[in-house]
């Protein structure tokens, strides 16, 4: 084994290949702990699991090469919840802080949580310029699935109210059917904020108030999902799935198939070689022909095609005429 390693390490490409193989093996075993979403390796094919992600978002590192940086997807936890009794009902308060420093606003902000029973929801937003207002209120029945509050879909009127608290004239000139609430929320208030928004950078505060209305109602700690313009190490696909998670899931099966294929190939090859050497004659000739046929098989259905430049030269060259 020592002699083998002494000879093997002389081949640089072999050492590179061994390093890549070791990296893939480590990644396959450590996959569940390195992916950005808990339980994602088991639910890669479950499209509903990924519905809060941005669709077809580029990787986060593209910001290094972009003049205008896009907001990065993130998952934020609230500060310690506050509890108070209002008319005999329990009210829970969750405070979120989002430090916005990008040039392009996120695609959406989604507050989600699980629980049981009937609850009343109120969401207040505060911008770095000091403007603040309640942008959403509602009453829902919690069940087995996540309850979601999407700024882009559920808080359009509230965001316009927030803009109106800064400048009523600008708010009245905004078309609510074409303007994106998230873009308005993260923009400076001016006459062009709907068409050419200028980012209002700084810390944004969101206070989510949940009042438990029914007996036995409960709420698990909510989280804030920032659906950014860029996401993760490798981005997302058109089904909103994290591509890095897909690579981790695929590596495991690729290694299993690769190792099994290698083992079966060695066993079959050694067996046929021993048979050919032992019996010789016709058996040796047949097995040799079989090996040659299998070796050439991938090439036979796909004959090489001449390059286009060669065909063009043949048609236009004076000598060819």
Protein backbone atom coordinates (compact mmCIF):
# COMPACT_ATOMS: atom_id res chain seq x y z
CA UNK A 1 0.00 0.00 0.00
CA UNK A 2 2.90 2.33 0.75
CA UNK A 3 4.45 1.65 -2.67
CA UNK A 4 1.10 2.24 -4.35
CA UNK A 5 0.68 5.60 -2.63
CA UNK A 6 4.25 6.57 -3.51
CA UNK A 7 3.54 6.03 -7.18
CA UNK A 8 0.02 7.42 -7.08
CA UNK A 9 0.95 10.79 -5.61
CA UNK A 10 3.25 11.44 -8.55
CA UNK A 11 0.15 11.94 -10.73
CA UNK A 12 -1.18 15.44 -10.06
CA UNK A 13 -4.50 14.83 -11.78
CA UNK A 14 -5.01 11.72 -9.65
CA UNK A 15 -4.51 13.70 -6.43
CA UNK A 16 -6.97 16.35 -7.64
CA UNK A 17 -9.53 13.65 -8.44
CA UNK A 18 -9.01 12.04 -5.03
CA UNK A 19 -9.49 15.41 -3.30
CA UNK A 20 -12.74 16.03 -5.23
CA UNK A 21 -13.99 12.54 -4.35
CA UNK A 22 -13.23 13.06 -0.65
CA UNK A 23 -14.99 16.43 -0.74
CA UNK A 24 -18.10 14.86 -2.30
CA UNK A 25 -18.12 12.05 0.28
CA UNK A 26 -17.89 14.56 3.15
CA UNK A 27 -20.62 16.69 1.56
CA UNK A 28 -22.88 13.66 1.13
CA UNK A 29 -22.60 12.71 4.82
CA UNK A 30 -22.73 16.28 6.15
CA UNK A 31 -25.49 17.34 3.72
CA UNK A 32 -28.40 17.76 6.16
CA UNK A 33 -26.30 20.04 8.39
CA UNK A 34 -24.91 22.31 5.66
CA UNK A 35 -28.04 22.99 3.58
CA UNK A 36 -29.74 26.30 4.43
CA UNK A 37 -33.19 24.77 5.01
CA UNK A 38 -33.93 22.26 7.77
CA UNK A 39 -35.25 18.97 6.40
CA UNK A 40 -34.74 20.12 2.81
CA UNK A 41 -32.77 17.04 1.73
CA UNK A 42 -35.80 14.84 2.46
CA UNK A 43 -38.29 17.24 0.81
CA UNK A 44 -36.39 18.23 -2.32
CA UNK A 45 -39.20 16.98 -4.60
CA UNK A 46 -41.99 18.56 -2.50
CA UNK A 47 -42.73 21.77 -4.43
CA UNK A 48 -44.97 23.17 -1.67
CA UNK A 49 -42.00 23.17 0.71
CA UNK A 50 -40.23 25.78 -1.44
CA UNK A 51 -43.13 28.11 -2.28
CA UNK A 52 -41.80 31.00 -0.15
CA UNK A 53 -38.48 31.11 -2.02
CA UNK A 54 -37.83 33.48 -4.95
CA UNK A 55 -38.25 31.93 -8.39
CA UNK A 56 -35.13 31.50 -10.58
CA UNK A 57 -33.02 33.80 -8.38
CA UNK A 58 -29.28 34.08 -9.15
CA UNK A 59 -26.67 33.18 -6.48
CA UNK A 60 -25.86 35.69 -3.77
CA UNK A 61 -22.27 36.08 -5.00
CA UNK A 62 -23.39 37.85 -8.19
CA UNK A 63 -23.64 40.96 -6.00
CA UNK A 64 -19.83 41.04 -5.97
CA UNK A 65 -19.88 41.87 -9.68
CA UNK A 66 -23.03 44.05 -9.83
CA UNK A 67 -23.13 47.83 -9.61
CA UNK A 68 -26.62 47.66 -8.06
CA UNK A 69 -26.79 45.07 -5.31
CA UNK A 70 -29.89 42.92 -4.90
CA UNK A 71 -31.40 42.03 -1.54
CA UNK A 72 -30.22 38.62 -0.34
CA UNK A 73 -32.75 36.00 0.72
CA UNK A 74 -32.72 35.45 4.47
CA UNK A 75 -34.67 33.91 7.32
CA UNK A 76 -34.99 36.10 10.42
CA UNK A 77 -36.15 35.15 13.89
CA UNK A 78 -37.94 37.62 16.19
CA UNK A 79 -36.68 39.01 19.45
CA UNK A 80 -38.03 37.52 22.67
CA UNK A 81 -41.85 37.74 22.51
CA UNK A 82 -43.84 40.02 24.77
CA UNK A 83 -47.07 38.86 26.44
CA UNK A 84 -49.98 40.91 27.77
CA UNK A 85 -53.64 40.42 28.66
CA UNK A 86 -56.19 42.53 26.80
CA UNK A 87 -59.79 42.14 28.01
CA UNK A 88 -58.95 38.71 29.33
CA UNK A 89 -57.31 37.58 26.08
CA UNK A 90 -53.67 36.80 25.63
CA UNK A 91 -51.79 38.98 23.14
CA UNK A 92 -48.35 38.00 21.89
CA UNK A 93 -45.95 40.52 20.38
CA UNK A 94 -43.03 39.65 18.08
CA UNK A 95 -40.49 42.26 16.96
CA UNK A 96 -38.38 41.78 13.82
CA UNK A 97 -35.48 43.94 12.64
CA UNK A 98 -34.32 43.86 9.02
CA UNK A 99 -31.12 45.70 8.12
CA UNK A 100 -31.63 46.68 4.47
CA UNK A 101 -28.49 47.71 2.61
CA UNK A 102 -29.16 46.69 -1.00
CA UNK A 103 -30.01 48.80 -4.05
CA UNK A 104 -32.86 46.56 -5.27
CA UNK A 105 -35.72 45.70 -2.95
CA UNK A 106 -36.60 42.10 -2.04
CA UNK A 107 -39.25 40.37 -4.11
CA UNK A 108 -41.38 39.87 -1.02
CA UNK A 109 -41.40 39.75 2.77
CA UNK A 110 -43.32 36.85 4.26
CA UNK A 111 -44.24 36.47 7.92
CA UNK A 112 -45.26 32.90 8.65
CA UNK A 113 -46.10 30.79 11.68
CA UNK A 114 -48.11 27.77 12.73
CA UNK A 115 -50.57 27.20 15.53
CA UNK A 116 -54.14 26.28 16.39
CA UNK A 117 -57.40 28.12 17.02
CA UNK A 118 -58.71 31.54 16.02
CA UNK A 119 -56.37 34.53 16.25
CA UNK A 120 -56.35 38.21 15.35
CA UNK A 121 -53.30 39.57 13.52
CA UNK A 122 -51.84 43.07 13.31
CA UNK A 123 -48.59 44.01 11.57
CA UNK A 124 -46.90 47.36 12.00
CA UNK A 125 -43.94 48.57 9.91
CA UNK A 126 -41.42 51.30 10.76
CA UNK A 127 -38.97 52.68 8.21
CA UNK A 128 -35.53 54.24 8.77
CA UNK A 129 -36.98 57.71 8.03
CA UNK A 130 -39.19 57.41 11.13
CA UNK A 131 -42.50 56.82 9.31
CA UNK A 132 -44.57 54.01 10.80
CA UNK A 133 -48.08 52.63 10.45
CA UNK A 134 -50.10 49.45 10.65
CA UNK A 135 -49.92 47.77 7.25
CA UNK A 136 -51.99 44.65 7.87
CA UNK A 137 -54.76 43.39 10.10
CA UNK A 138 -56.92 40.30 9.89
CA UNK A 139 -58.54 37.42 11.68
CA UNK A 140 -57.74 33.81 10.75
CA UNK A 141 -58.25 30.22 11.86
CA UNK A 142 -54.92 28.45 12.30
CA UNK A 143 -54.50 24.87 11.13
CA UNK A 144 -51.92 22.34 10.06
CA UNK A 145 -50.33 24.54 7.37
CA UNK A 146 -48.35 27.75 7.78
CA UNK A 147 -50.28 31.00 8.12
CA UNK A 148 -48.62 33.58 5.88
CA UNK A 149 -48.67 37.35 5.67
CA UNK A 150 -47.14 38.49 2.39
CA UNK A 151 -46.30 42.17 2.00
CA UNK A 152 -46.65 41.91 -1.76
CA UNK A 153 -50.09 40.24 -1.67
CA UNK A 154 -51.68 41.14 1.67
CA UNK A 155 -50.39 44.60 2.61
CA UNK A 156 -50.81 46.75 -0.49
CA UNK A 157 -53.26 49.16 1.11
CA UNK A 158 -51.19 49.37 4.28
CA UNK A 159 -48.00 50.24 2.40
CA UNK A 160 -49.80 53.00 0.49
CA UNK A 161 -51.01 54.35 3.86
CA UNK A 162 -47.42 54.36 5.04
CA UNK A 163 -46.36 56.36 1.98
CA UNK A 164 -49.31 58.70 2.53
CA UNK A 165 -48.17 59.39 6.08
CA UNK A 166 -44.98 60.86 4.56
CA UNK A 167 -46.43 62.57 1.47
CA UNK A 168 -50.13 62.40 0.59
CA UNK A 169 -49.62 63.86 -2.89
CA UNK A 170 -47.09 61.19 -3.87
CA UNK A 171 -49.33 58.45 -2.47
CA UNK A 172 -52.33 59.68 -4.49
CA UNK A 173 -50.28 59.60 -7.72
CA UNK A 174 -49.31 55.93 -7.34
CA UNK A 175 -51.31 53.37 -9.32
CA UNK A 176 -52.07 50.56 -6.83
CA UNK A 177 -52.57 48.06 -9.66
CA UNK A 178 -49.06 48.40 -11.09
CA UNK A 179 -46.90 49.41 -8.12
CA UNK A 180 -45.19 46.71 -6.08
CA UNK A 181 -45.83 47.19 -2.34
CA UNK A 182 -42.40 45.79 -1.39
CA UNK A 183 -40.63 48.19 -3.76
CA UNK A 184 -42.56 51.12 -2.27
CA UNK A 185 -41.79 50.02 1.28
CA UNK A 186 -38.03 50.06 0.68
CA UNK A 187 -37.90 53.27 -1.42
CA UNK A 188 -37.46 56.92 -0.65
CA UNK A 189 -40.73 58.83 -0.92
CA UNK A 190 -40.59 61.03 -4.01
CA UNK A 191 -42.53 61.59 -7.22
CA UNK A 192 -40.65 58.84 -9.11
CA UNK A 193 -40.73 56.14 -6.43
CA UNK A 194 -43.19 53.99 -8.40
CA UNK A 195 -41.19 54.05 -11.66
CA UNK A 196 -37.58 54.71 -10.59
CA UNK A 197 -37.31 53.91 -6.89
CA UNK A 198 -34.29 54.99 -4.89
CA UNK A 199 -33.44 52.61 -2.06
CA UNK A 200 -34.05 53.80 1.49
CA UNK A 201 -31.33 51.93 3.33
CA UNK A 202 -31.24 51.30 7.03
CA UNK A 203 -32.97 49.26 9.72
CA UNK A 204 -36.64 48.40 9.27
CA UNK A 205 -38.75 47.34 12.22
CA UNK A 206 -41.80 45.07 12.05
CA UNK A 207 -44.06 44.40 15.03
CA UNK A 208 -46.38 41.42 14.68
CA UNK A 209 -49.18 41.30 17.24
CA UNK A 210 -51.17 38.06 17.62
CA UNK A 211 -54.21 37.99 19.88
CA UNK A 212 -55.54 34.56 20.86
CA UNK A 213 -59.33 34.67 20.43
CA UNK A 214 -60.52 31.09 20.92
CA UNK A 215 -60.05 28.78 23.86
CA UNK A 216 -56.96 26.64 23.48
CA UNK A 217 -55.54 28.82 20.72
CA UNK A 218 -51.74 28.71 20.42
CA UNK A 219 -49.00 30.07 18.19
CA UNK A 220 -45.53 28.79 17.44
CA UNK A 221 -42.77 31.37 17.16
CA UNK A 222 -43.11 33.09 13.76
CA UNK A 223 -40.30 33.88 11.36
CA UNK A 224 -39.67 36.49 8.70
CA UNK A 225 -38.64 35.22 5.27
CA UNK A 226 -36.91 37.70 2.98
CA UNK A 227 -37.51 36.56 -0.58
CA UNK A 228 -34.58 38.36 -2.14
CA UNK A 229 -33.34 39.19 -5.60
CA UNK A 230 -30.43 36.79 -5.02
CA UNK A 231 -30.42 33.61 -3.00
CA UNK A 232 -27.96 31.10 -1.57
CA UNK A 233 -24.73 29.71 -2.95
CA UNK A 234 -26.10 28.54 -6.31
CA UNK A 235 -29.44 30.35 -6.54
CA UNK A 236 -32.87 28.79 -7.09
CA UNK A 237 -34.57 27.06 -10.01
CA UNK A 238 -37.92 27.82 -11.69
CA UNK A 239 -39.66 25.70 -9.03
CA UNK A 240 -38.12 27.91 -6.29
CA UNK A 241 -35.94 25.06 -5.01
CA UNK A 242 -32.49 25.83 -3.63
CA UNK A 243 -30.00 24.48 -6.20
CA UNK A 244 -27.22 23.88 -3.65
CA UNK A 245 -29.60 21.60 -1.73
CA UNK A 246 -30.29 19.76 -4.99
CA UNK A 247 -26.56 19.27 -5.54
CA UNK A 248 -26.17 17.82 -2.04
CA UNK A 249 -29.11 15.45 -2.63
CA UNK A 250 -27.75 14.43 -6.05
CA UNK A 251 -24.21 13.80 -4.81
CA UNK A 252 -25.39 11.07 -2.45
CA UNK A 253 -27.09 9.11 -5.22
CA UNK A 254 -24.29 9.79 -7.70
CA UNK A 255 -21.74 8.30 -5.28
CA UNK A 256 -23.92 5.27 -4.56
CA UNK A 257 -24.45 4.57 -8.28
CA UNK A 258 -20.78 5.23 -9.06
CA UNK A 259 -19.45 2.88 -6.37
CA UNK A 260 -21.95 0.12 -7.25
CA UNK A 261 -21.13 0.44 -10.94
CA UNK A 262 -17.40 0.21 -10.23
CA UNK A 263 -17.83 -2.86 -8.01
CA UNK A 264 -20.05 -4.66 -10.53
CA UNK A 265 -17.67 -3.75 -13.39
CA UNK A 266 -14.64 -5.13 -11.53
CA UNK A 267 -16.43 -8.35 -10.57
CA UNK A 268 -17.75 -8.98 -14.10
CA UNK A 269 -14.45 -8.00 -15.75
CA UNK A 270 -12.32 -10.20 -13.51
CA UNK A 271 -14.71 -13.14 -13.94
CA UNK A 272 -14.73 -12.88 -17.74
CA UNK A 273 -10.95 -12.43 -17.84
CA UNK A 274 -10.38 -15.56 -15.74
CA UNK A 275 -12.82 -17.56 -17.92
CA UNK A 276 -11.13 -16.39 -21.14
CA UNK A 277 -7.64 -17.18 -19.82
CA UNK A 278 -8.60 -20.56 -18.40
CA UNK A 279 -10.57 -21.99 -21.34
CA UNK A 280 -8.90 -20.12 -24.22
CA UNK A 281 -9.78 -20.94 -27.81
CA UNK A 282 -13.32 -20.08 -28.86
CA UNK A 283 -14.23 -18.72 -25.40
CA UNK A 284 -11.27 -16.34 -25.47
CA UNK A 285 -12.14 -15.21 -29.03
CA UNK A 286 -15.85 -14.65 -28.20
CA UNK A 287 -15.13 -12.72 -25.03
CA UNK A 288 -12.56 -10.58 -26.82
CA UNK A 289 -15.05 -9.75 -29.58
CA UNK A 290 -17.71 -9.01 -26.95
CA UNK A 291 -15.35 -6.61 -25.17
CA UNK A 292 -14.54 -4.82 -28.43
CA UNK A 293 -18.22 -4.52 -29.31
CA UNK A 294 -19.14 -3.06 -25.90
CA UNK A 295 -16.14 -0.72 -26.01
CA UNK A 296 -17.19 0.69 -29.40
CA UNK A 297 -20.94 0.68 -28.78
CA UNK A 298 -21.30 4.29 -27.53
CA UNK A 299 -19.55 5.56 -30.65
CA UNK A 300 -21.47 3.58 -33.27
CA UNK A 301 -24.89 5.32 -33.09
CA UNK A 302 -23.28 8.78 -33.10
CA UNK A 303 -20.81 9.15 -35.98
CA UNK A 304 -18.71 12.30 -35.84
CA UNK A 305 -20.21 15.28 -37.64
CA UNK A 306 -17.94 17.63 -39.63
CA UNK A 307 -17.76 21.13 -38.18
CA UNK A 308 -19.86 23.82 -39.86
CA UNK A 309 -16.85 25.86 -40.85
CA UNK A 310 -15.53 22.87 -42.83
CA UNK A 311 -18.84 22.41 -44.68
CA UNK A 312 -18.98 26.12 -45.45
CA UNK A 313 -15.44 26.00 -46.80
CA UNK A 314 -16.28 23.06 -49.03
CA UNK A 315 -19.27 24.91 -50.53
CA UNK A 316 -17.57 28.25 -51.05
CA UNK A 317 -13.98 27.34 -51.89
CA UNK A 318 -13.08 28.00 -55.55
CA UNK A 319 -11.32 24.64 -55.68
CA UNK A 320 -14.51 22.86 -54.68
CA UNK A 321 -16.32 24.37 -57.66
